[in-house]
Amino acid sequence: MARASDQRLVDHVDRIAHEHPPIQLSSVDFTVTKARELDARFGHVLDYMARVELEVEKNVMELAILLPDPPEIDVHFFRDVWAPQEIQHGLILDELQRHLGRPLSTPDLSIGAKIKVLGALGHAGIFQDVSRMLYYLTGVATERSAVLAYNMLFDGIVELGEEGIARTAIGQIKRQEPGHFAFYQMSARQHWHRLAGWQKWLVRKMRAISFAPVGAYSPEQSADFGDLMVSLGITEGVEDFTQQIARVERELLFAQHQGLTVPPYVARTFRDAVERAQTRARVLAA
């Protein structure tokens, strides 16, 4: 008999699969009246977000390596809900780039060495539970970042007067991201309480080493993310932004640390991204 928490997760995935089918390009109004202004203010943001969305192919390959024997509900989620929706998000953002006269994004589909090592260890069932927890935590942070970023991008595009593209493209995308976040949050909370003490210790250690903003797998991509933060106004409220991203992680991994609002490695990573963007800007201006 399925646990009640497991059934809630199944019901959630079934519901979002039914209520939020992949967005069709034909449903989007790509009419833009201020292409130059939109490109100047948010062009690189669109490129970054399109790349990340279209890297779902790599993410699926990574999951196959990390979780050689994944739960059925995880397979159902990323095969039938997450991947189809994310691919369409990327295609829509790239089509918007095309209308702005920008080149299409170039997704990075290479698999890193860390993933391969974790995958080799993951063939041991007790370690695969650790990999699953890291996967859920990454999903929580990634999808919460997406929810916040798409909301800010939507507001910025509306400010430019491009309400058509804001409503039919960004608005549709941002309505699908919370369902992804909810899946990872529910999965993380229930899986954490099933881990042994040594597994929780290992999750904390590995998370501190591996944490990175979504799509920032190299120093150059970290600087790109820093530029995105500046363009969306995240740097003006970075403390609240990082707290929202790290809330679930802090509650689970660091419940015993009273007064800790953001794990140090999260704050450091976002600070480094902005500093890299600023350093690159100074070099280019010299």
Protein backbone atom coordinates (compact mmCIF):
# COMPACT_ATOMS: atom_id res chain seq x y z
CA MET A 1 0.00 0.00 0.00
CA ALA A 2 1.48 3.36 -1.04
CA ARG A 3 2.36 5.83 1.66
CA ALA A 4 0.12 8.89 1.79
CA SER A 5 3.06 11.17 0.98
CA ASP A 6 3.93 9.05 -2.07
CA GLN A 7 0.35 9.18 -3.30
CA ARG A 8 0.27 12.97 -2.93
CA LEU A 9 3.35 13.14 -5.11
CA VAL A 10 1.79 10.90 -7.76
CA ASP A 11 -1.40 12.97 -7.70
CA HIS A 12 0.63 16.17 -8.08
CA VAL A 13 2.53 14.91 -11.14
CA ASP A 14 -0.66 13.58 -12.75
CA ARG A 15 -2.39 16.91 -12.14
CA ILE A 16 0.31 19.11 -13.67
CA ALA A 17 0.66 16.72 -16.61
CA HIS A 18 -3.06 17.16 -17.27
CA GLU A 19 -3.38 20.87 -16.50
CA HIS A 20 -0.14 22.11 -18.07
CA PRO A 21 0.64 20.45 -21.39
CA PRO A 22 3.75 21.69 -23.24
CA ILE A 23 3.24 25.21 -24.61
CA GLN A 24 2.83 25.29 -28.38
CA LEU A 25 4.75 27.89 -30.40
CA SER A 26 1.54 28.68 -32.27
CA SER A 27 -0.01 30.00 -29.03
CA VAL A 28 2.64 32.73 -28.66
CA ASP A 29 2.36 36.24 -30.08
CA PHE A 30 5.93 37.11 -31.06
CA THR A 31 5.04 40.64 -32.14
CA VAL A 32 7.63 43.04 -30.74
CA THR A 33 7.46 46.81 -31.19
CA LYS A 34 10.62 47.78 -29.30
CA ALA A 35 13.03 45.09 -30.44
CA ARG A 36 16.15 47.19 -29.92
CA GLU A 37 15.22 48.16 -26.38
CA LEU A 38 14.15 44.63 -25.47
CA ASP A 39 17.40 43.22 -26.87
CA ALA A 40 19.56 45.75 -25.06
CA ARG A 41 17.89 45.19 -21.70
CA PHE A 42 17.04 41.50 -21.72
CA GLY A 43 18.63 39.89 -24.79
CA HIS A 44 21.40 38.15 -22.85
CA VAL A 45 18.86 37.10 -20.20
CA LEU A 46 16.73 35.40 -22.87
CA ASP A 47 19.84 33.68 -24.25
CA TYR A 48 20.89 32.38 -20.83
CA MET A 49 17.42 31.13 -19.96
CA ALA A 50 16.89 29.53 -23.38
CA ARG A 51 20.21 27.70 -23.07
CA VAL A 52 19.34 26.39 -19.62
CA GLU A 53 15.89 25.24 -20.71
CA LEU A 54 17.28 23.46 -23.78
CA GLU A 55 19.93 21.69 -21.73
CA VAL A 56 17.16 19.40 -20.55
CA GLU A 57 18.58 16.78 -22.92
CA LYS A 58 21.81 16.83 -20.92
CA ASN A 59 19.89 16.84 -17.65
CA VAL A 60 18.01 13.69 -18.67
CA MET A 61 21.30 12.00 -19.55
CA GLU A 62 22.76 13.07 -16.20
CA LEU A 63 19.76 11.66 -14.37
CA ALA A 64 20.20 8.33 -16.14
CA ILE A 65 23.80 8.28 -14.91
CA LEU A 66 23.07 9.51 -11.39
CA LEU A 67 20.03 7.33 -10.79
CA PRO A 68 20.49 3.97 -12.51
CA ASP A 69 17.40 2.67 -10.72
CA PRO A 70 15.11 5.70 -10.20
CA PRO A 71 11.67 5.56 -8.59
CA GLU A 72 8.81 5.27 -11.06
CA ILE A 73 7.40 8.63 -10.01
CA ASP A 74 10.70 10.37 -10.83
CA VAL A 75 10.74 8.80 -14.29
CA HIS A 76 7.12 9.82 -14.84
CA PHE A 77 7.90 13.40 -13.82
CA PHE A 78 11.00 14.09 -15.88
CA ARG A 79 9.90 12.04 -18.91
CA ASP A 80 6.23 13.05 -19.16
CA VAL A 81 6.14 16.50 -17.54
CA TRP A 82 9.42 18.24 -16.90
CA ALA A 83 11.40 17.49 -20.08
CA PRO A 84 8.58 18.17 -22.60
CA GLN A 85 7.65 21.43 -20.87
CA GLU A 86 11.24 22.68 -20.51
CA ILE A 87 12.10 21.95 -24.14
CA GLN A 88 9.16 24.06 -25.28
CA HIS A 89 10.20 26.86 -22.92
CA GLY A 90 13.62 26.90 -24.56
CA LEU A 91 12.21 26.82 -28.09
CA ILE A 92 9.88 29.73 -27.30
CA LEU A 93 12.70 31.83 -25.84
CA ASP A 94 14.93 31.04 -28.82
CA GLU A 95 12.16 31.98 -31.24
CA LEU A 96 11.84 35.29 -29.40
CA GLN A 97 15.60 35.75 -29.80
CA ARG A 98 15.21 35.15 -33.53
CA HIS A 99 12.55 37.85 -33.72
CA LEU A 100 14.98 40.22 -32.00
CA GLY A 101 17.66 39.43 -34.57
CA ARG A 102 19.78 37.54 -32.07
CA PRO A 103 21.57 34.21 -32.67
CA LEU A 104 19.98 31.15 -31.12
CA SER A 105 21.30 29.80 -27.85
CA THR A 106 24.00 27.12 -27.78
CA PRO A 107 23.15 24.50 -25.13
CA ASP A 108 26.05 22.71 -23.45
CA LEU A 109 25.30 18.99 -23.69
CA SER A 110 28.60 17.68 -22.29
CA ILE A 111 28.55 15.48 -19.18
CA GLY A 112 30.94 16.57 -16.42
CA ALA A 113 33.38 14.32 -14.59
CA LYS A 114 31.59 14.84 -11.26
CA ILE A 115 28.40 13.37 -12.68
CA LYS A 116 30.24 10.34 -14.02
CA VAL A 117 31.89 9.68 -10.64
CA LEU A 118 28.58 10.05 -8.80
CA GLY A 119 26.99 7.73 -11.34
CA ALA A 120 29.58 5.05 -10.73
CA LEU A 121 28.98 5.27 -6.99
CA GLY A 122 25.23 5.36 -7.53
CA HIS A 123 25.14 1.71 -8.56
CA ALA A 124 25.33 1.00 -4.84
CA GLY A 125 21.78 1.42 -3.57
CA ILE A 126 22.70 3.19 -0.35
CA PHE A 127 24.73 5.78 -2.26
CA GLN A 128 22.03 6.22 -4.90
CA ASP A 129 19.85 7.52 -2.07
CA VAL A 130 22.45 10.26 -1.53
CA SER A 131 22.48 11.06 -5.27
CA ARG A 132 18.69 11.25 -5.25
CA MET A 133 18.77 13.78 -2.42
CA LEU A 134 21.32 15.90 -4.27
CA TYR A 135 19.14 15.71 -7.37
CA TYR A 136 16.07 16.89 -5.45
CA LEU A 137 17.97 19.73 -3.78
CA THR A 138 19.33 20.88 -7.13
CA GLY A 139 15.80 20.77 -8.53
CA VAL A 140 14.45 22.83 -5.65
CA ALA A 141 17.08 25.55 -6.09
CA THR A 142 16.86 25.52 -9.88
CA GLU A 143 13.09 25.72 -10.10
CA ARG A 144 12.77 28.33 -7.36
CA SER A 145 15.35 30.42 -9.23
CA ALA A 146 13.30 30.00 -12.40
CA VAL A 147 10.06 31.05 -10.71
CA LEU A 148 11.65 34.23 -9.35
CA ALA A 149 13.57 35.04 -12.55
CA TYR A 150 10.57 34.58 -14.86
CA ASN A 151 8.45 36.79 -12.61
CA MET A 152 11.10 39.53 -12.79
CA LEU A 153 11.50 39.12 -16.55
CA PHE A 154 7.73 39.29 -17.03
CA ASP A 155 7.54 42.56 -15.06
CA GLY A 156 10.47 44.03 -16.97
CA ILE A 157 9.01 43.22 -20.37
CA VAL A 158 5.64 44.66 -19.34
CA GLU A 159 7.46 47.86 -18.29
CA LEU A 160 8.75 48.13 -21.86
CA GLY A 161 5.19 47.97 -23.11
CA GLU A 162 5.57 44.55 -24.75
CA GLU A 163 2.50 43.08 -23.09
CA GLY A 164 1.74 40.61 -25.89
CA ILE A 165 5.02 38.72 -25.64
CA ALA A 166 4.97 39.04 -21.85
CA ARG A 167 1.50 37.50 -21.58
CA THR A 168 1.67 34.80 -24.25
CA ALA A 169 5.31 33.70 -23.81
CA ILE A 170 6.82 34.57 -20.43
CA GLY A 171 3.45 34.46 -18.69
CA GLN A 172 2.72 30.95 -19.93
CA ILE A 173 6.20 29.73 -19.01
CA LYS A 174 6.13 31.16 -15.50
CA ARG A 175 2.84 29.42 -14.77
CA GLN A 176 4.45 26.02 -15.35
CA GLU A 177 7.58 26.46 -13.21
CA PRO A 178 5.87 26.35 -9.77
CA GLY A 179 4.64 22.80 -10.46
CA HIS A 180 8.22 21.69 -11.04
CA PHE A 181 9.35 23.40 -7.85
CA ALA A 182 6.57 21.73 -5.86
CA PHE A 183 7.59 18.27 -7.13
CA TYR A 184 11.19 18.72 -6.03
CA GLN A 185 10.21 20.26 -2.71
CA MET A 186 7.81 17.44 -1.85
CA SER A 187 10.33 14.82 -2.96
CA ALA A 188 13.18 16.40 -0.99
CA ARG A 189 11.18 16.64 2.22
CA GLN A 190 9.97 13.05 2.19
CA HIS A 191 13.29 11.56 1.00
CA TRP A 192 15.38 13.43 3.60
CA HIS A 193 13.55 11.77 6.46
CA ARG A 194 14.26 8.34 5.01
CA LEU A 195 18.04 8.81 4.97
CA ALA A 196 20.36 7.40 7.60
CA GLY A 197 22.50 9.76 9.66
CA TRP A 198 25.69 9.08 7.68
CA GLN A 199 23.82 9.67 4.42
CA LYS A 200 22.60 13.06 5.64
CA TRP A 201 26.16 13.95 6.65
CA LEU A 202 27.41 13.03 3.18
CA VAL A 203 24.66 15.03 1.49
CA ARG A 204 25.70 18.13 3.44
CA LYS A 205 29.35 17.70 2.48
CA MET A 206 28.70 17.01 -1.19
CA ARG A 207 26.13 19.78 -1.52
CA ALA A 208 28.62 22.34 -0.22
CA ILE A 209 31.10 21.22 -2.88
CA SER A 210 28.73 20.91 -5.81
CA PHE A 211 26.26 23.82 -5.41
CA ALA A 212 26.08 26.21 -8.37
CA PRO A 213 23.45 28.56 -9.81
CA VAL A 214 21.38 26.99 -12.56
CA GLY A 215 23.33 26.80 -15.81
CA ALA A 216 26.59 28.11 -14.29
CA TYR A 217 29.01 25.23 -14.77
CA SER A 218 32.12 27.28 -15.60
CA PRO A 219 33.62 30.66 -14.58
CA GLU A 220 32.37 32.18 -17.86
CA GLN A 221 28.83 30.89 -17.30
CA SER A 222 29.00 32.11 -13.70
CA ALA A 223 29.78 35.60 -15.02
CA ASP A 224 26.84 35.25 -17.43
CA PHE A 225 24.61 34.44 -14.47
CA GLY A 226 25.97 37.50 -12.66
CA ASP A 227 24.95 39.64 -15.64
CA LEU A 228 21.49 38.07 -15.50
CA MET A 229 21.22 38.97 -11.82
CA VAL A 230 22.10 42.59 -12.55
CA SER A 231 19.70 42.88 -15.51
CA LEU A 232 16.75 41.43 -13.59
CA GLY A 233 17.46 43.58 -10.52
CA ILE A 234 18.29 40.57 -8.35
CA THR A 235 21.40 42.26 -6.95
CA GLU A 236 19.17 44.91 -5.36
CA GLY A 237 17.41 42.25 -3.27
CA VAL A 238 19.97 39.46 -3.36
CA GLU A 239 19.52 38.53 0.30
CA ASP A 240 15.81 37.84 -0.14
CA PHE A 241 16.50 36.04 -3.44
CA THR A 242 19.06 33.67 -1.93
CA GLN A 243 16.89 33.06 1.14
CA GLN A 244 13.98 31.97 -1.04
CA ILE A 245 16.19 29.69 -3.13
CA ALA A 246 17.85 28.10 -0.09
CA ARG A 247 14.84 27.92 2.24
CA VAL A 248 14.10 24.19 1.83
CA GLU A 249 17.80 23.35 1.86
CA ARG A 250 18.34 25.33 5.05
CA GLU A 251 15.31 23.80 6.78
CA LEU A 252 16.37 20.25 6.01
CA LEU A 253 20.17 20.23 6.03
CA PHE A 254 20.76 22.89 8.68
CA ALA A 255 17.77 22.68 11.01
CA GLN A 256 20.14 22.48 13.98
CA HIS A 257 21.82 25.80 13.11
CA GLN A 258 19.56 28.43 14.65
CA GLY A 259 19.79 31.84 13.00
CA LEU A 260 21.31 30.58 9.72
CA THR A 261 19.33 32.23 6.92
CA VAL A 262 21.38 31.04 3.93
CA PRO A 263 24.00 28.25 3.79
CA PRO A 264 27.42 29.92 3.33
CA TYR A 265 28.14 28.14 0.06
CA VAL A 266 24.92 29.49 -1.48
CA ALA A 267 25.67 33.10 -0.55
CA ARG A 268 29.30 32.74 -1.70
CA THR A 269 28.33 31.29 -5.09
CA PHE A 270 25.91 34.10 -5.94
CA ARG A 271 28.37 36.73 -4.72
CA ASP A 272 31.10 35.20 -6.89
CA ALA A 273 28.82 35.31 -9.95
CA VAL A 274 28.28 39.06 -9.60
CA GLU A 275 31.97 39.69 -8.97
CA ARG A 276 32.92 37.70 -12.08
CA ALA A 277 30.44 39.68 -14.16
CA GLN A 278 31.84 42.97 -12.85
CA THR A 279 35.43 41.88 -13.47
CA ARG A 280 34.62 40.81 -17.03
CA ALA A 281 32.88 44.15 -17.69
CA ARG A 282 35.96 46.06 -16.51
CA VAL A 283 38.25 43.97 -18.71
CA LEU A 284 36.06 44.49 -21.78
CA ALA A 285 35.85 48.22 -21.12
CA ALA A 286 39.63 48.61 -20.74
